[in-house]
Amino acid sequence: MSEKIRVPALERALSILEVLQKNRRCTISEIINLTGLPRSSVYVLIEDMVKLRLLRQNSDKTVQLWMKLVSLGNSASDSLDLKELVSPYLDKLIARVDCLAVHFGIVDEDKAYYVLKKTSPKSHMRITSREGSEISMVHSALGKCLLAYQDSVLREKIVASLDYSVARAGFVSSPEFLRKELASIRLRGYAYDNGQNGQEFRCLAVPVFDQDAKLLGALSIVGTINKITSDKLPDLLTLAKNSSKEISTGLML
């Protein structure tokens, strides 16, 4: 956050929520270690957030995000004008493509989030992405596409802060590796993951710009390795880019 927060407790509470968002369930000791916050503050904040139903304390002494946050998150997601604007274009795209799902994502400050997910009615396979959840900018084509088109100063700040600890074959393993990949994405105009975010999946993502040529977000097509093949990639890319242009045009209407 660039501006100084006048109520430190709010920033501390947000740190706790972000740790639980990333780790699902943690003990209070783990939260203290991961946030670096004072023990007394963490205990008080968690006790109050449990009372407000923002958090739940389980029988095994772990803490997790709870139902009030789900309600608030759904309300925030539903209120996004982008969701209403983009939805028809994603419906149109998924009707044309043999895939598992299509997504639309945005960047808010230094994190990327799914705004919309459309699941193919033809597919019996499901992927775990959810509207409102965070997108990896290291291992996801959609996240890397969003990152590639950020302002250079913000892009470098984000690149330096990301977690590269997951090291499997084909995965981005360092800031230097990611910088090269982001440059390649900007050069060719799209991001493509060949099984990087799940060995059985492939993902293609393209940027979406507003009428002032500023990044609005990005859309992605996700499919299995049998559905998104090298010979189908040019046609899929054309469909994705056409959808991107249609969204941009729709902003001007």
Protein backbone atom coordinates (compact mmCIF):
# COMPACT_ATOMS: atom_id res chain seq x y z
CA MET A 1 0.00 0.00 0.00
CA SER A 2 1.39 3.37 -1.00
CA GLU A 3 -0.64 5.58 1.38
CA LYS A 4 -0.15 5.53 5.14
CA ILE A 5 -3.03 3.85 6.94
CA ARG A 6 -4.30 5.97 9.85
CA VAL A 7 -5.78 3.00 11.74
CA PRO A 8 -2.95 0.44 12.16
CA ALA A 9 -5.35 -2.23 13.44
CA LEU A 10 -7.05 -2.32 10.03
CA GLU A 11 -3.76 -2.98 8.27
CA ARG A 12 -2.88 -5.68 10.82
CA ALA A 13 -6.28 -7.33 10.37
CA LEU A 14 -5.80 -7.31 6.60
CA SER A 15 -2.39 -8.97 7.01
CA ILE A 16 -4.03 -11.77 8.98
CA LEU A 17 -6.75 -12.21 6.36
CA GLU A 18 -4.19 -12.34 3.54
CA VAL A 19 -2.16 -15.02 5.35
CA LEU A 20 -5.31 -17.12 5.76
CA GLN A 21 -6.29 -16.53 2.15
CA LYS A 22 -2.96 -17.98 1.05
CA ASN A 23 -2.65 -20.80 3.61
CA ARG A 24 -6.31 -21.71 4.21
CA ARG A 25 -5.88 -22.80 7.86
CA CYS A 26 -3.24 -21.67 10.36
CA THR A 27 -2.68 -21.79 14.08
CA ILE A 28 -2.34 -18.46 15.82
CA SER A 29 1.38 -19.12 16.31
CA GLU A 30 1.76 -19.67 12.56
CA ILE A 31 -0.10 -16.42 11.84
CA ILE A 32 2.20 -14.54 14.22
CA ASN A 33 5.27 -15.98 12.48
CA LEU A 34 3.97 -15.31 8.97
CA THR A 35 2.79 -11.74 9.63
CA GLY A 36 5.49 -10.64 12.06
CA LEU A 37 2.78 -8.90 14.10
CA PRO A 38 2.86 -8.59 17.91
CA ARG A 39 1.42 -11.64 19.65
CA SER A 40 -1.01 -9.60 21.77
CA SER A 41 -2.39 -7.78 18.70
CA VAL A 42 -2.93 -11.02 16.79
CA TYR A 43 -4.83 -12.64 19.67
CA VAL A 44 -7.11 -9.61 20.13
CA LEU A 45 -7.77 -9.16 16.41
CA ILE A 46 -8.53 -12.82 15.85
CA GLU A 47 -10.86 -12.95 18.86
CA ASP A 48 -12.82 -9.96 17.54
CA MET A 49 -12.89 -11.25 13.94
CA VAL A 50 -14.25 -14.58 15.17
CA LYS A 51 -17.05 -12.70 17.01
CA LEU A 52 -17.84 -10.82 13.76
CA ARG A 53 -17.90 -14.13 11.80
CA LEU A 54 -15.04 -12.98 9.60
CA LEU A 55 -13.01 -15.92 10.93
CA ARG A 56 -13.76 -19.33 12.42
CA GLN A 57 -11.66 -21.00 15.12
CA ASN A 58 -11.69 -24.77 14.68
CA SER A 59 -11.51 -27.54 17.26
CA ASP A 60 -7.88 -28.24 16.27
CA LYS A 61 -6.98 -24.63 17.23
CA THR A 62 -6.54 -23.54 13.61
CA VAL A 63 -8.20 -20.41 12.22
CA GLN A 64 -9.77 -19.98 8.79
CA LEU A 65 -11.71 -17.40 6.79
CA TRP A 66 -15.44 -17.59 7.47
CA MET A 67 -18.90 -16.86 6.12
CA LYS A 68 -19.15 -13.10 6.59
CA LEU A 69 -16.15 -12.69 4.29
CA VAL A 70 -17.83 -14.92 1.70
CA SER A 71 -20.91 -12.69 1.80
CA LEU A 72 -18.86 -9.50 1.55
CA GLY A 73 -16.72 -10.93 -1.23
CA ASN A 74 -19.75 -11.98 -3.26
CA SER A 75 -21.28 -8.52 -2.87
CA ALA A 76 -18.06 -6.85 -4.00
CA SER A 77 -17.78 -9.19 -6.98
CA ASP A 78 -21.40 -8.67 -8.00
CA SER A 79 -21.06 -4.88 -7.83
CA LEU A 80 -18.22 -4.73 -10.37
CA ASP A 81 -19.46 -3.06 -13.54
CA LEU A 82 -16.78 -4.99 -15.42
CA LYS A 83 -18.54 -8.23 -14.59
CA GLU A 84 -21.75 -7.13 -16.29
CA LEU A 85 -19.84 -5.71 -19.25
CA VAL A 86 -17.56 -8.68 -19.88
CA SER A 87 -20.00 -11.52 -19.17
CA PRO A 88 -21.76 -11.60 -22.59
CA TYR A 89 -18.44 -11.73 -24.43
CA LEU A 90 -17.21 -14.64 -22.32
CA ASP A 91 -20.51 -16.44 -22.96
CA LYS A 92 -19.97 -15.92 -26.67
CA LEU A 93 -16.36 -17.11 -26.48
CA ILE A 94 -17.03 -20.28 -24.52
CA ALA A 95 -19.80 -21.23 -26.96
CA ARG A 96 -17.22 -21.19 -29.76
CA VAL A 97 -14.37 -23.02 -28.02
CA ASP A 98 -14.00 -26.64 -26.91
CA CYS A 99 -12.45 -25.98 -23.50
CA LEU A 100 -12.97 -26.31 -19.76
CA ALA A 101 -13.48 -22.65 -18.85
CA VAL A 102 -12.80 -19.06 -19.79
CA HIS A 103 -11.79 -16.35 -17.31
CA PHE A 104 -11.49 -12.61 -17.02
CA GLY A 105 -9.04 -11.19 -14.48
CA ILE A 106 -7.78 -7.83 -13.28
CA VAL A 107 -4.93 -6.39 -11.23
CA ASP A 108 -5.73 -4.43 -8.07
CA GLU A 109 -2.62 -2.72 -6.70
CA ASP A 110 -0.06 -5.55 -6.60
CA LYS A 111 -2.32 -8.61 -6.86
CA ALA A 112 -4.33 -10.26 -9.63
CA TYR A 113 -7.87 -11.60 -9.17
CA TYR A 114 -10.48 -13.57 -11.11
CA VAL A 115 -13.49 -11.34 -11.85
CA LEU A 116 -15.39 -13.81 -14.01
CA LYS A 117 -15.31 -17.53 -14.66
CA LYS A 118 -17.46 -19.29 -17.24
CA THR A 119 -17.43 -23.09 -17.17
CA SER A 120 -18.17 -25.02 -20.35
CA PRO A 121 -21.48 -26.90 -20.16
CA LYS A 122 -19.92 -29.58 -22.38
CA SER A 123 -17.17 -30.43 -19.92
CA HIS A 124 -17.43 -32.93 -17.07
CA MET A 125 -14.06 -31.83 -15.70
CA ARG A 126 -13.81 -28.92 -13.28
CA ILE A 127 -10.95 -26.59 -12.40
CA THR A 128 -10.48 -24.97 -9.01
CA SER A 129 -10.41 -21.28 -10.01
CA ARG A 130 -13.06 -19.12 -8.32
CA GLU A 131 -14.39 -15.63 -8.92
CA GLY A 132 -12.75 -13.28 -6.43
CA SER A 133 -9.79 -15.55 -5.72
CA GLU A 134 -6.19 -14.53 -6.34
CA ILE A 135 -4.39 -15.44 -9.57
CA SER A 136 -0.76 -16.55 -9.51
CA MET A 137 1.44 -14.14 -11.44
CA VAL A 138 4.21 -16.75 -11.48
CA HIS A 139 2.50 -19.94 -12.66
CA SER A 140 -0.68 -18.82 -14.44
CA ALA A 141 -0.86 -17.59 -18.06
CA LEU A 142 -3.65 -15.21 -17.05
CA GLY A 143 -1.63 -13.78 -14.15
CA LYS A 144 1.53 -13.42 -16.23
CA CYS A 145 -0.42 -11.71 -19.02
CA LEU A 146 -1.82 -9.21 -16.51
CA LEU A 147 1.63 -8.62 -15.06
CA ALA A 148 3.33 -8.24 -18.44
CA TYR A 149 1.29 -5.16 -19.32
CA GLN A 150 1.63 -3.30 -16.03
CA ASP A 151 3.58 -0.05 -15.77
CA SER A 152 7.27 -0.95 -15.71
CA VAL A 153 7.84 0.40 -12.19
CA LEU A 154 4.90 -1.52 -10.70
CA ARG A 155 5.77 -4.60 -12.74
CA GLU A 156 9.31 -4.70 -11.35
CA LYS A 157 8.06 -4.14 -7.80
CA ILE A 158 5.68 -7.09 -8.17
CA VAL A 159 8.28 -9.34 -9.83
CA ALA A 160 10.68 -8.75 -6.94
CA SER A 161 8.03 -9.62 -4.33
CA LEU A 162 6.60 -12.86 -5.79
CA ASP A 163 7.07 -16.36 -4.38
CA TYR A 164 9.18 -18.58 -6.65
CA SER A 165 9.48 -21.48 -4.20
CA VAL A 166 7.43 -23.95 -6.28
CA ALA A 167 10.05 -25.53 -8.53
CA ARG A 168 8.85 -28.14 -11.00
CA ALA A 169 9.82 -28.79 -14.57
CA GLY A 170 8.65 -25.96 -16.82
CA PHE A 171 7.78 -23.63 -13.92
CA VAL A 172 9.06 -20.10 -13.56
CA SER A 173 11.78 -20.45 -10.94
CA SER A 174 13.29 -16.98 -10.50
CA PRO A 175 12.66 -13.25 -11.07
CA GLU A 176 15.13 -13.33 -13.98
CA PHE A 177 13.22 -16.18 -15.66
CA LEU A 178 9.92 -14.33 -15.18
CA ARG A 179 11.27 -11.05 -16.57
CA LYS A 180 12.28 -12.85 -19.79
CA GLU A 181 8.88 -14.50 -20.06
CA LEU A 182 7.04 -11.21 -19.49
CA ALA A 183 9.11 -9.56 -22.23
CA SER A 184 8.21 -12.44 -24.56
CA ILE A 185 4.51 -12.04 -23.73
CA ARG A 186 4.59 -8.33 -24.60
CA LEU A 187 6.42 -9.09 -27.85
CA ARG A 188 4.02 -11.77 -29.11
CA GLY A 189 0.85 -10.31 -27.53
CA TYR A 190 -0.31 -13.31 -25.51
CA ALA A 191 0.67 -15.71 -22.70
CA TYR A 192 0.63 -19.48 -23.02
CA ASP A 193 1.15 -22.16 -20.38
CA ASN A 194 1.84 -25.69 -21.51
CA GLY A 195 0.93 -27.55 -18.34
CA GLN A 196 2.67 -25.11 -15.97
CA ASN A 197 -0.32 -24.55 -13.71
CA GLY A 198 -1.34 -28.20 -13.67
CA GLN A 199 0.21 -30.92 -15.80
CA GLU A 200 -3.05 -31.86 -17.51
CA PHE A 201 -4.08 -28.28 -18.36
CA ARG A 202 -3.07 -25.69 -20.92
CA CYS A 203 -3.99 -22.02 -20.79
CA LEU A 204 -3.95 -19.18 -23.32
CA ALA A 205 -4.38 -15.55 -22.18
CA VAL A 206 -4.59 -12.20 -23.99
CA PRO A 207 -4.73 -8.63 -22.66
CA VAL A 208 -7.84 -6.44 -22.85
CA PHE A 209 -7.38 -2.69 -23.22
CA ASP A 210 -9.78 0.20 -22.69
CA GLN A 211 -10.48 3.03 -25.15
CA ASP A 212 -7.36 4.86 -23.98
CA ALA A 213 -5.16 1.81 -24.67
CA LYS A 214 -4.71 1.21 -20.92
CA LEU A 215 -4.89 -2.33 -19.57
CA LEU A 216 -8.38 -3.19 -18.40
CA GLY A 217 -7.72 -6.83 -17.65
CA ALA A 218 -7.04 -10.09 -19.46
CA LEU A 219 -9.05 -13.09 -20.60
CA SER A 220 -7.99 -16.71 -20.76
CA ILE A 221 -9.04 -20.02 -22.27
CA VAL A 222 -8.29 -23.12 -20.19
CA GLY A 223 -8.41 -26.64 -21.59
CA THR A 224 -6.84 -30.04 -21.33
CA ILE A 225 -3.68 -31.00 -23.18
CA ASN A 226 -5.91 -32.93 -25.61
CA LYS A 227 -8.14 -29.93 -26.35
CA ILE A 228 -5.56 -27.13 -26.61
CA THR A 229 -3.00 -28.57 -29.00
CA SER A 230 -0.30 -26.84 -31.03
CA ASP A 231 -2.26 -27.13 -34.26
CA LYS A 232 -5.36 -25.53 -32.65
CA LEU A 233 -3.44 -22.70 -30.97
CA PRO A 234 -3.60 -20.20 -33.91
CA ASP A 235 -7.40 -20.48 -34.17
CA LEU A 236 -7.84 -20.23 -30.39
CA LEU A 237 -5.59 -17.18 -30.32
CA THR A 238 -7.69 -15.52 -33.04
CA LEU A 239 -10.90 -16.17 -31.09
CA ALA A 240 -9.36 -14.86 -27.85
CA LYS A 241 -8.03 -11.70 -29.52
CA ASN A 242 -11.38 -11.08 -31.23
CA SER A 243 -13.13 -11.34 -27.86
CA SER A 244 -10.61 -8.91 -26.39
CA LYS A 245 -11.32 -6.40 -29.17
CA GLU A 246 -15.08 -6.83 -28.73
CA ILE A 247 -14.80 -6.07 -25.02
CA SER A 248 -12.71 -2.96 -25.78
CA THR A 249 -15.27 -1.81 -28.36
CA GLY A 250 -18.09 -2.46 -25.92
CA LEU A 251 -16.54 0.04 -23.49
CA MET A 252 -17.07 2.82 -26.04
CA LEU A 253 -20.77 2.12 -26.61
